[in-house]
Amino acid sequence: MNGRNIRVLREERGMTLNQLATLSGVSKSYISYIERGMQKNPSIAVLEKLSIALGIEFMKLIESVNEVSKK
């Protein structure tokens, strides 16, 4: 998994890490690890929380993250 797309989605929405953490209930440091590729396999529960906070369907988030990973 590649977390760069989560960062892109967050930035496109004008959200800070703190805002995403607050909206999703996922810690700021964990989101940062995901975005920087230090956490390569976040749980489905975490990805679902992030998708809700980012306002994107879960499957679209997964597909977009997987697409970035293939590049």
N, C-alpha and C. Protein backbone atom coordinates (compact mmCIF):
# COMPACT_ATOMS: atom_id res chain seq x y z
N MET A 1 0.83 -1.18 0.00
CA MET A 1 0.00 0.00 0.00
C MET A 1 0.87 1.24 0.00
N ASN A 2 0.41 2.26 -0.68
CA ASN A 2 1.12 3.52 -0.73
C ASN A 2 0.22 4.63 -0.20
N GLY A 3 0.65 5.29 0.85
CA GLY A 3 -0.17 6.30 1.50
C GLY A 3 -0.10 7.68 0.87
N ARG A 4 0.72 7.83 -0.17
CA ARG A 4 0.82 9.16 -0.80
C ARG A 4 -0.54 9.67 -1.25
N ASN A 5 -1.38 8.79 -1.73
CA ASN A 5 -2.68 9.23 -2.23
C ASN A 5 -3.56 9.76 -1.10
N ILE A 6 -3.44 9.20 0.09
CA ILE A 6 -4.19 9.72 1.22
C ILE A 6 -3.76 11.15 1.50
N ARG A 7 -2.48 11.40 1.42
CA ARG A 7 -1.98 12.77 1.62
C ARG A 7 -2.53 13.71 0.54
N VAL A 8 -2.51 13.25 -0.71
CA VAL A 8 -3.04 14.07 -1.81
C VAL A 8 -4.50 14.38 -1.58
N LEU A 9 -5.28 13.38 -1.22
CA LEU A 9 -6.72 13.58 -0.96
C LEU A 9 -6.92 14.57 0.19
N ARG A 10 -6.14 14.43 1.23
CA ARG A 10 -6.24 15.32 2.39
C ARG A 10 -5.91 16.75 1.98
N GLU A 11 -4.83 16.93 1.24
CA GLU A 11 -4.41 18.26 0.83
C GLU A 11 -5.40 18.89 -0.16
N GLU A 12 -5.96 18.08 -1.05
CA GLU A 12 -6.97 18.58 -1.99
C GLU A 12 -8.18 19.15 -1.25
N ARG A 13 -8.46 18.60 -0.09
CA ARG A 13 -9.59 19.06 0.70
C ARG A 13 -9.19 20.18 1.66
N GLY A 14 -7.93 20.60 1.59
CA GLY A 14 -7.45 21.69 2.45
C GLY A 14 -7.39 21.31 3.92
N MET A 15 -7.17 20.02 4.18
CA MET A 15 -7.16 19.53 5.55
C MET A 15 -5.73 19.38 6.06
N THR A 16 -5.54 19.70 7.32
CA THR A 16 -4.27 19.43 7.98
C THR A 16 -4.31 18.02 8.56
N LEU A 17 -3.15 17.55 8.97
CA LEU A 17 -3.12 16.25 9.65
C LEU A 17 -3.98 16.29 10.91
N ASN A 18 -3.91 17.40 11.64
CA ASN A 18 -4.72 17.52 12.86
C ASN A 18 -6.20 17.43 12.56
N GLN A 19 -6.65 18.09 11.51
CA GLN A 19 -8.06 18.05 11.15
C GLN A 19 -8.50 16.65 10.77
N LEU A 20 -7.69 15.97 9.96
CA LEU A 20 -8.04 14.61 9.56
C LEU A 20 -8.05 13.68 10.77
N ALA A 21 -7.10 13.86 11.66
CA ALA A 21 -7.05 13.03 12.87
C ALA A 21 -8.30 13.25 13.71
N THR A 22 -8.70 14.49 13.88
CA THR A 22 -9.88 14.79 14.67
C THR A 22 -11.14 14.22 14.03
N LEU A 23 -11.29 14.40 12.73
CA LEU A 23 -12.48 13.91 12.04
C LEU A 23 -12.55 12.39 11.97
N SER A 24 -11.40 11.75 11.85
CA SER A 24 -11.38 10.30 11.66
C SER A 24 -11.26 9.51 12.96
N GLY A 25 -10.72 10.14 13.99
CA GLY A 25 -10.45 9.40 15.22
C GLY A 25 -9.18 8.57 15.15
N VAL A 26 -8.38 8.80 14.11
CA VAL A 26 -7.09 8.12 13.94
C VAL A 26 -6.01 9.12 14.36
N SER A 27 -5.02 8.66 15.10
CA SER A 27 -4.02 9.59 15.60
C SER A 27 -3.24 10.27 14.47
N LYS A 28 -2.84 11.50 14.75
CA LYS A 28 -2.06 12.27 13.80
C LYS A 28 -0.77 11.54 13.42
N SER A 29 -0.11 10.97 14.39
CA SER A 29 1.15 10.28 14.11
C SER A 29 0.94 9.05 13.23
N TYR A 30 -0.16 8.34 13.45
CA TYR A 30 -0.44 7.14 12.64
C TYR A 30 -0.75 7.53 11.20
N ILE A 31 -1.54 8.60 11.03
CA ILE A 31 -1.83 9.08 9.67
C ILE A 31 -0.53 9.50 8.99
N SER A 32 0.33 10.18 9.72
CA SER A 32 1.61 10.60 9.17
C SER A 32 2.45 9.39 8.73
N TYR A 33 2.46 8.35 9.56
CA TYR A 33 3.18 7.12 9.19
C TYR A 33 2.63 6.53 7.90
N ILE A 34 1.31 6.51 7.78
CA ILE A 34 0.68 5.98 6.56
C ILE A 34 1.10 6.81 5.36
N GLU A 35 0.97 8.14 5.48
CA GLU A 35 1.28 9.02 4.36
C GLU A 35 2.74 8.94 3.94
N ARG A 36 3.64 8.74 4.88
CA ARG A 36 5.06 8.67 4.56
C ARG A 36 5.53 7.26 4.20
N GLY A 37 4.61 6.31 4.18
CA GLY A 37 4.95 4.95 3.78
C GLY A 37 5.61 4.13 4.87
N MET A 38 5.60 4.62 6.10
CA MET A 38 6.20 3.88 7.20
C MET A 38 5.25 2.81 7.74
N GLN A 39 3.95 3.01 7.52
CA GLN A 39 2.93 2.03 7.89
C GLN A 39 2.29 1.57 6.59
N LYS A 40 2.70 0.41 6.13
CA LYS A 40 2.30 -0.04 4.81
C LYS A 40 0.98 -0.80 4.78
N ASN A 41 0.52 -1.30 5.91
CA ASN A 41 -0.70 -2.11 5.93
C ASN A 41 -1.65 -1.68 7.04
N PRO A 42 -2.22 -0.48 6.93
CA PRO A 42 -3.20 -0.09 7.95
C PRO A 42 -4.43 -0.99 7.85
N SER A 43 -5.11 -1.13 8.96
CA SER A 43 -6.28 -2.02 8.98
C SER A 43 -7.42 -1.44 8.14
N ILE A 44 -8.33 -2.31 7.79
CA ILE A 44 -9.52 -1.89 7.05
C ILE A 44 -10.30 -0.87 7.88
N ALA A 45 -10.36 -1.07 9.19
CA ALA A 45 -11.09 -0.15 10.07
C ALA A 45 -10.49 1.26 9.99
N VAL A 46 -9.17 1.36 9.98
CA VAL A 46 -8.51 2.66 9.89
C VAL A 46 -8.79 3.29 8.53
N LEU A 47 -8.66 2.52 7.47
CA LEU A 47 -8.92 3.05 6.13
C LEU A 47 -10.37 3.49 5.98
N GLU A 48 -11.28 2.77 6.61
CA GLU A 48 -12.69 3.15 6.55
C GLU A 48 -12.91 4.48 7.27
N LYS A 49 -12.29 4.65 8.42
CA LYS A 49 -12.40 5.92 9.15
C LYS A 49 -11.84 7.08 8.32
N LEU A 50 -10.72 6.84 7.67
CA LEU A 50 -10.11 7.89 6.84
C LEU A 50 -10.99 8.21 5.64
N SER A 51 -11.57 7.19 5.04
CA SER A 51 -12.43 7.44 3.87
C SER A 51 -13.64 8.28 4.25
N ILE A 52 -14.23 8.01 5.39
CA ILE A 52 -15.39 8.80 5.85
C ILE A 52 -14.96 10.24 6.10
N ALA A 53 -13.85 10.42 6.79
CA ALA A 53 -13.37 11.77 7.11
C ALA A 53 -12.99 12.55 5.84
N LEU A 54 -12.49 11.84 4.83
CA LEU A 54 -12.10 12.49 3.58
C LEU A 54 -13.27 12.66 2.63
N GLY A 55 -14.40 12.05 2.95
CA GLY A 55 -15.58 12.17 2.10
C GLY A 55 -15.46 11.42 0.79
N ILE A 56 -14.83 10.26 0.84
CA ILE A 56 -14.66 9.44 -0.35
C ILE A 56 -15.15 8.03 -0.02
N GLU A 57 -15.78 7.39 -0.97
CA GLU A 57 -16.23 6.02 -0.76
C GLU A 57 -15.03 5.13 -0.45
N PHE A 58 -15.24 4.19 0.46
CA PHE A 58 -14.17 3.29 0.90
C PHE A 58 -13.50 2.60 -0.28
N MET A 59 -14.29 2.02 -1.17
CA MET A 59 -13.71 1.29 -2.30
C MET A 59 -12.93 2.22 -3.23
N LYS A 60 -13.39 3.44 -3.40
CA LYS A 60 -12.65 4.38 -4.23
C LYS A 60 -11.32 4.75 -3.59
N LEU A 61 -11.32 4.86 -2.26
CA LEU A 61 -10.06 5.12 -1.56
C LEU A 61 -9.10 3.97 -1.77
N ILE A 62 -9.58 2.75 -1.60
CA ILE A 62 -8.73 1.57 -1.78
C ILE A 62 -8.21 1.50 -3.21
N GLU A 63 -9.08 1.72 -4.18
CA GLU A 63 -8.67 1.67 -5.58
C GLU A 63 -7.63 2.74 -5.89
N SER A 64 -7.85 3.95 -5.38
CA SER A 64 -6.91 5.03 -5.68
C SER A 64 -5.57 4.79 -5.01
N VAL A 65 -5.59 4.25 -3.80
CA VAL A 65 -4.33 3.94 -3.10
C VAL A 65 -3.59 2.83 -3.86
N ASN A 66 -4.32 1.82 -4.29
CA ASN A 66 -3.69 0.73 -5.03
C ASN A 66 -3.14 1.22 -6.38
N GLU A 67 -3.84 2.12 -7.03
CA GLU A 67 -3.38 2.67 -8.31
C GLU A 67 -2.05 3.39 -8.15
N VAL A 68 -1.93 4.19 -7.10
CA VAL A 68 -0.68 4.90 -6.84
C VAL A 68 0.43 3.91 -6.55
N SER A 69 0.10 2.81 -5.86
CA SER A 69 1.11 1.80 -5.51
C SER A 69 1.71 1.14 -6.73
N LYS A 70 0.94 1.05 -7.81
CA LYS A 70 1.42 0.36 -9.02
C LYS A 70 2.39 1.20 -9.83
N LYS A 71 2.42 2.49 -9.58
CA LYS A 71 3.27 3.40 -10.38
C LYS A 71 4.71 3.34 -9.95
